[in-house]
């Protein structure tokens, strides 16, 4: 059953009220549901938001410094953390300015989920002078690690979209001030 909950209720201190979350699960579950969806309306054109997702320069302007995007099936959509860790995933497919599909890497602390991956679909829809970005992440399996990864990534991906929104409200991230 799909329910729509303001993400603010889930992450009240982290995410602005314009973020919405849908889940096909009850509020408290022992196993992760099949998918979750988070959306945000970004005050920018679809072309500008697409550039922020589909290019290394764009991704580095909001997600993490020196992020890499190799926009082709099998290409990287990746951040490289200090110490050698990575986040992001492998591009499965894309439709320019409409959709980007990634085989998503879970954090290293979830090795089984990281190895099997989930499917992250970012869709981009114009709305007035802005763009609605929706992330639907699916492919969740049963088990304690999967449930913990689901909860972690639900919150983490809400923060990801909050950071995207902030990028278009405040401008590109100045990484020299973040260190």
C-alpha atoms as a PDB file:
ATOM      1  CA  UNK A   1       0.000   0.000   0.000  1.00  0.00           C
ATOM      2  CA  UNK A   2       1.426   3.363  -0.978  1.00  0.00           C
ATOM      3  CA  UNK A   3       1.289   6.079   1.585  1.00  0.00           C
ATOM      4  CA  UNK A   4       2.536   9.610   1.163  1.00  0.00           C
ATOM      5  CA  UNK A   5       4.259  11.071   4.193  1.00  0.00           C
ATOM      6  CA  UNK A   6       5.953  14.444   4.375  1.00  0.00           C
ATOM      7  CA  UNK A   7       9.598  13.680   4.647  1.00  0.00           C
ATOM      8  CA  UNK A   8       9.749  16.398   7.248  1.00  0.00           C
ATOM      9  CA  UNK A   9       8.106  13.969   9.653  1.00  0.00           C
ATOM     10  CA  UNK A  10      10.898  11.481   9.032  1.00  0.00           C
ATOM     11  CA  UNK A  11      13.838  13.883   9.042  1.00  0.00           C
ATOM     12  CA  UNK A  12      12.368  17.010  10.582  1.00  0.00           C
ATOM     13  CA  UNK A  13      15.696  18.536  11.500  1.00  0.00           C
ATOM     14  CA  UNK A  14      17.406  17.741   8.197  1.00  0.00           C
ATOM     15  CA  UNK A  15      15.050  18.187   5.282  1.00  0.00           C
ATOM     16  CA  UNK A  16      12.806  21.110   4.282  1.00  0.00           C
ATOM     17  CA  UNK A  17       9.042  20.557   4.081  1.00  0.00           C
ATOM     18  CA  UNK A  18       8.905  20.545   0.261  1.00  0.00           C
ATOM     19  CA  UNK A  19      10.330  17.009   0.201  1.00  0.00           C
ATOM     20  CA  UNK A  20       7.811  14.178   0.013  1.00  0.00           C
ATOM     21  CA  UNK A  21       8.251  10.460   0.513  1.00  0.00           C
ATOM     22  CA  UNK A  22       6.161   7.546  -0.656  1.00  0.00           C
ATOM     23  CA  UNK A  23       6.592   3.984   0.531  1.00  0.00           C
ATOM     24  CA  UNK A  24       4.748   0.769  -0.184  1.00  0.00           C
ATOM     25  CA  UNK A  25       4.987  -0.304   3.437  1.00  0.00           C
ATOM     26  CA  UNK A  26       3.647   0.418   6.887  1.00  0.00           C
ATOM     27  CA  UNK A  27       5.444   3.024   8.979  1.00  0.00           C
ATOM     28  CA  UNK A  28       7.350   0.397  10.994  1.00  0.00           C
ATOM     29  CA  UNK A  29       8.501  -2.737   9.202  1.00  0.00           C
ATOM     30  CA  UNK A  30      10.739  -5.647  10.043  1.00  0.00           C
ATOM     31  CA  UNK A  31      11.585  -6.254   6.374  1.00  0.00           C
ATOM     32  CA  UNK A  32      12.197  -3.502   3.826  1.00  0.00           C
ATOM     33  CA  UNK A  33       9.425  -2.822   1.342  1.00  0.00           C
ATOM     34  CA  UNK A  34      10.118  -3.374  -2.334  1.00  0.00           C
ATOM     35  CA  UNK A  35      10.895   0.279  -3.014  1.00  0.00           C
ATOM     36  CA  UNK A  36      10.822   3.817  -1.768  1.00  0.00           C
ATOM     37  CA  UNK A  37      10.380   7.084  -3.604  1.00  0.00           C
ATOM     38  CA  UNK A  38      11.519  10.554  -2.591  1.00  0.00           C
ATOM     39  CA  UNK A  39      10.873  13.706  -4.559  1.00  0.00           C
ATOM     40  CA  UNK A  40      11.852  17.331  -4.405  1.00  0.00           C
ATOM     41  CA  UNK A  41      10.993  20.369  -6.466  1.00  0.00           C
ATOM     42  CA  UNK A  42      14.177  22.166  -7.461  1.00  0.00           C
ATOM     43  CA  UNK A  43      14.057  25.847  -8.469  1.00  0.00           C
ATOM     44  CA  UNK A  44      15.893  25.331 -11.777  1.00  0.00           C
ATOM     45  CA  UNK A  45      15.207  24.234 -15.339  1.00  0.00           C
ATOM     46  CA  UNK A  46      15.293  20.579 -16.326  1.00  0.00           C
ATOM     47  CA  UNK A  47      18.392  21.288 -18.414  1.00  0.00           C
ATOM     48  CA  UNK A  48      20.253  22.773 -15.443  1.00  0.00           C
ATOM     49  CA  UNK A  49      19.218  19.950 -13.112  1.00  0.00           C
ATOM     50  CA  UNK A  50      20.150  17.346 -15.739  1.00  0.00           C
ATOM     51  CA  UNK A  51      23.596  18.964 -16.056  1.00  0.00           C
ATOM     52  CA  UNK A  52      23.974  18.689 -12.258  1.00  0.00           C
ATOM     53  CA  UNK A  53      23.350  14.930 -12.477  1.00  0.00           C
ATOM     54  CA  UNK A  54      24.808  13.941 -15.834  1.00  0.00           C
ATOM     55  CA  UNK A  55      28.235  15.623 -15.845  1.00  0.00           C
ATOM     56  CA  UNK A  56      31.259  15.378 -13.561  1.00  0.00           C
ATOM     57  CA  UNK A  57      31.336  19.159 -13.251  1.00  0.00           C
ATOM     58  CA  UNK A  58      27.644  19.272 -12.346  1.00  0.00           C
ATOM     59  CA  UNK A  59      27.764  16.420  -9.830  1.00  0.00           C
ATOM     60  CA  UNK A  60      30.842  17.956  -8.203  1.00  0.00           C
ATOM     61  CA  UNK A  61      28.923  21.222  -7.759  1.00  0.00           C
ATOM     62  CA  UNK A  62      26.655  19.685  -5.125  1.00  0.00           C
ATOM     63  CA  UNK A  63      27.306  16.044  -4.222  1.00  0.00           C
ATOM     64  CA  UNK A  64      31.028  15.683  -3.569  1.00  0.00           C
ATOM     65  CA  UNK A  65      34.243  17.187  -4.932  1.00  0.00           C
ATOM     66  CA  UNK A  66      35.781  15.411  -7.891  1.00  0.00           C
ATOM     67  CA  UNK A  67      32.712  13.265  -8.544  1.00  0.00           C
ATOM     68  CA  UNK A  68      32.809  11.457 -11.873  1.00  0.00           C
ATOM     69  CA  UNK A  69      30.106  10.829 -14.420  1.00  0.00           C
ATOM     70  CA  UNK A  70      30.766   8.748 -17.521  1.00  0.00           C
ATOM     71  CA  UNK A  71      27.360   9.162 -19.149  1.00  0.00           C
ATOM     72  CA  UNK A  72      26.906   5.838 -20.940  1.00  0.00           C
ATOM     73  CA  UNK A  73      25.484   2.432 -20.011  1.00  0.00           C
ATOM     74  CA  UNK A  74      28.140   0.805 -17.834  1.00  0.00           C
ATOM     75  CA  UNK A  75      29.697   4.191 -17.002  1.00  0.00           C
ATOM     76  CA  UNK A  76      30.421   5.486 -13.518  1.00  0.00           C
ATOM     77  CA  UNK A  77      28.207   7.833 -11.532  1.00  0.00           C
ATOM     78  CA  UNK A  78      30.601   7.964  -8.634  1.00  0.00           C
ATOM     79  CA  UNK A  79      32.027   9.899  -5.735  1.00  0.00           C
ATOM     80  CA  UNK A  80      35.486   9.062  -4.445  1.00  0.00           C
ATOM     81  CA  UNK A  81      35.876   9.544  -0.706  1.00  0.00           C
ATOM     82  CA  UNK A  82      39.138  10.168   1.118  1.00  0.00           C
ATOM     83  CA  UNK A  83      40.693   6.827   2.015  1.00  0.00           C
ATOM     84  CA  UNK A  84      39.565   5.128  -1.191  1.00  0.00           C
ATOM     85  CA  UNK A  85      35.868   4.503  -0.516  1.00  0.00           C
ATOM     86  CA  UNK A  86      33.295   5.087  -3.235  1.00  0.00           C
ATOM     87  CA  UNK A  87      29.606   5.837  -3.455  1.00  0.00           C
ATOM     88  CA  UNK A  88      27.156   6.126  -6.302  1.00  0.00           C
ATOM     89  CA  UNK A  89      26.966   3.339  -8.808  1.00  0.00           C
ATOM     90  CA  UNK A  90      27.013   2.239 -12.418  1.00  0.00           C
ATOM     91  CA  UNK A  91      24.790   3.829 -15.040  1.00  0.00           C
ATOM     92  CA  UNK A  92      22.341   1.294 -16.464  1.00  0.00           C
ATOM     93  CA  UNK A  93      20.494   3.643 -18.824  1.00  0.00           C
ATOM     94  CA  UNK A  94      19.456   7.230 -19.347  1.00  0.00           C
ATOM     95  CA  UNK A  95      17.127   9.430 -21.351  1.00  0.00           C
ATOM     96  CA  UNK A  96      18.566  12.971 -21.447  1.00  0.00           C
ATOM     97  CA  UNK A  97      16.654  15.399 -19.239  1.00  0.00           C
ATOM     98  CA  UNK A  98      14.103  12.703 -18.337  1.00  0.00           C
ATOM     99  CA  UNK A  99      15.680   9.748 -16.507  1.00  0.00           C
ATOM    100  CA  UNK A 100      18.940   8.370 -15.121  1.00  0.00           C
ATOM    101  CA  UNK A 101      19.017   4.748 -13.922  1.00  0.00           C
ATOM    102  CA  UNK A 102      21.859   3.550 -11.709  1.00  0.00           C
ATOM    103  CA  UNK A 103      22.843   0.182 -10.233  1.00  0.00           C
ATOM    104  CA  UNK A 104      23.426   1.761  -6.832  1.00  0.00           C
ATOM    105  CA  UNK A 105      26.259   0.911  -4.456  1.00  0.00           C
ATOM    106  CA  UNK A 106      25.331   0.736  -0.796  1.00  0.00           C
ATOM    107  CA  UNK A 107      27.937   1.965   1.704  1.00  0.00           C
ATOM    108  CA  UNK A 108      30.764  -0.453   2.561  1.00  0.00           C
ATOM    109  CA  UNK A 109      29.180  -1.164   5.956  1.00  0.00           C
ATOM    110  CA  UNK A 110      26.463  -3.110   4.071  1.00  0.00           C
ATOM    111  CA  UNK A 111      28.642  -5.544   2.060  1.00  0.00           C
ATOM    112  CA  UNK A 112      25.882  -7.914   0.885  1.00  0.00           C
ATOM    113  CA  UNK A 113      23.668  -5.052  -0.274  1.00  0.00           C
ATOM    114  CA  UNK A 114      26.668  -3.350  -1.892  1.00  0.00           C
ATOM    115  CA  UNK A 115      27.572  -6.510  -3.801  1.00  0.00           C
ATOM    116  CA  UNK A 116      24.027  -7.164  -5.041  1.00  0.00           C
ATOM    117  CA  UNK A 117      23.093  -3.492  -5.528  1.00  0.00           C
ATOM    118  CA  UNK A 118      19.727  -1.815  -5.756  1.00  0.00           C
ATOM    119  CA  UNK A 119      18.216   0.088  -8.657  1.00  0.00           C
ATOM    120  CA  UNK A 120      18.016   3.878  -8.333  1.00  0.00           C
ATOM    121  CA  UNK A 121      15.875   5.691 -10.894  1.00  0.00           C
ATOM    122  CA  UNK A 122      16.129   9.476 -10.972  1.00  0.00           C
ATOM    123  CA  UNK A 123      13.363  11.077 -13.029  1.00  0.00           C
ATOM    124  CA  UNK A 124      13.185  14.734 -14.008  1.00  0.00           C
ATOM    125  CA  UNK A 125       9.890  16.498 -14.723  1.00  0.00           C
ATOM    126  CA  UNK A 126       9.414  20.184 -15.485  1.00  0.00           C
ATOM    127  CA  UNK A 127       6.956  21.960 -13.187  1.00  0.00           C
ATOM    128  CA  UNK A 128       6.486  25.652 -13.833  1.00  0.00           C
ATOM    129  CA  UNK A 129       9.927  27.258 -13.718  1.00  0.00           C
ATOM    130  CA  UNK A 130      11.300  24.376 -11.623  1.00  0.00           C
ATOM    131  CA  UNK A 131      11.961  20.674 -11.900  1.00  0.00           C
ATOM    132  CA  UNK A 132      10.594  17.792  -9.860  1.00  0.00           C
ATOM    133  CA  UNK A 133      13.321  15.242  -9.201  1.00  0.00           C
ATOM    134  CA  UNK A 134      12.059  11.861  -8.060  1.00  0.00           C
ATOM    135  CA  UNK A 135      14.290   9.067  -6.818  1.00  0.00           C
ATOM    136  CA  UNK A 136      12.726   5.624  -6.783  1.00  0.00           C
ATOM    137  CA  UNK A 137      14.992   2.966  -5.310  1.00  0.00           C
ATOM    138  CA  UNK A 138      13.991  -0.662  -5.668  1.00  0.00           C
ATOM    139  CA  UNK A 139      15.449  -4.156  -5.473  1.00  0.00           C
ATOM    140  CA  UNK A 140      15.389  -4.547  -1.716  1.00  0.00           C
ATOM    141  CA  UNK A 141      15.677  -8.078  -0.326  1.00  0.00           C
ATOM    142  CA  UNK A 142      14.938  -9.673   3.041  1.00  0.00           C
ATOM    143  CA  UNK A 143      17.309  -9.847   5.960  1.00  0.00           C
ATOM    144  CA  UNK A 144      18.710  -7.727   8.754  1.00  0.00           C
ATOM    145  CA  UNK A 145      21.434  -6.092   6.636  1.00  0.00           C
ATOM    146  CA  UNK A 146      18.922  -5.201   3.910  1.00  0.00           C
ATOM    147  CA  UNK A 147      16.552  -3.657   6.448  1.00  0.00           C
ATOM    148  CA  UNK A 148      19.346  -1.585   7.996  1.00  0.00           C
ATOM    149  CA  UNK A 149      20.592  -0.503   4.561  1.00  0.00           C
ATOM    150  CA  UNK A 150      17.041   0.460   3.540  1.00  0.00           C
ATOM    151  CA  UNK A 151      16.613   2.671   6.617  1.00  0.00           C
ATOM    152  CA  UNK A 152      20.073   4.200   6.181  1.00  0.00           C
ATOM    153  CA  UNK A 153      19.614   4.930   2.475  1.00  0.00           C
ATOM    154  CA  UNK A 154      16.074   6.234   2.877  1.00  0.00           C
ATOM    155  CA  UNK A 155      17.440   8.922   5.215  1.00  0.00           C
ATOM    156  CA  UNK A 156      20.663   9.378   3.240  1.00  0.00           C
ATOM    157  CA  UNK A 157      18.914   9.811  -0.081  1.00  0.00           C
ATOM    158  CA  UNK A 158      16.545  12.344   1.458  1.00  0.00           C
ATOM    159  CA  UNK A 159      19.657  14.290   2.475  1.00  0.00           C
ATOM    160  CA  UNK A 160      21.044  13.834  -1.039  1.00  0.00           C
ATOM    161  CA  UNK A 161      17.989  15.503  -2.562  1.00  0.00           C
ATOM    162  CA  UNK A 162      18.072  18.200   0.121  1.00  0.00           C
ATOM    163  CA  UNK A 163      21.652  18.948  -0.923  1.00  0.00           C
ATOM    164  CA  UNK A 164      20.588  19.139  -4.574  1.00  0.00           C
ATOM    165  CA  UNK A 165      17.857  21.617  -3.634  1.00  0.00           C
ATOM    166  CA  UNK A 166      20.339  23.667  -1.609  1.00  0.00           C
ATOM    167  CA  UNK A 167      22.723  23.764  -4.587  1.00  0.00           C
ATOM    168  CA  UNK A 168      20.076  25.516  -6.699  1.00  0.00           C
ATOM    169  CA  UNK A 169      19.000  27.857  -3.908  1.00  0.00           C
ATOM    170  CA  UNK A 170      22.454  28.881  -2.651  1.00  0.00           C
ATOM    171  CA  UNK A 171      24.683  28.083  -5.629  1.00  0.00           C
ATOM    172  CA  UNK A 172      27.400  25.493  -6.229  1.00  0.00           C
ATOM    173  CA  UNK A 173      29.126  24.071  -3.178  1.00  0.00           C
ATOM    174  CA  UNK A 174      32.427  25.724  -2.267  1.00  0.00           C
ATOM    175  CA  UNK A 175      34.297  22.617  -1.191  1.00  0.00           C
ATOM    176  CA  UNK A 176      37.265  24.613   0.145  1.00  0.00           C
ATOM    177  CA  UNK A 177      34.988  25.901   2.928  1.00  0.00           C
ATOM    178  CA  UNK A 178      33.777  22.390   3.810  1.00  0.00           C
ATOM    179  CA  UNK A 179      37.096  20.887   4.840  1.00  0.00           C
END
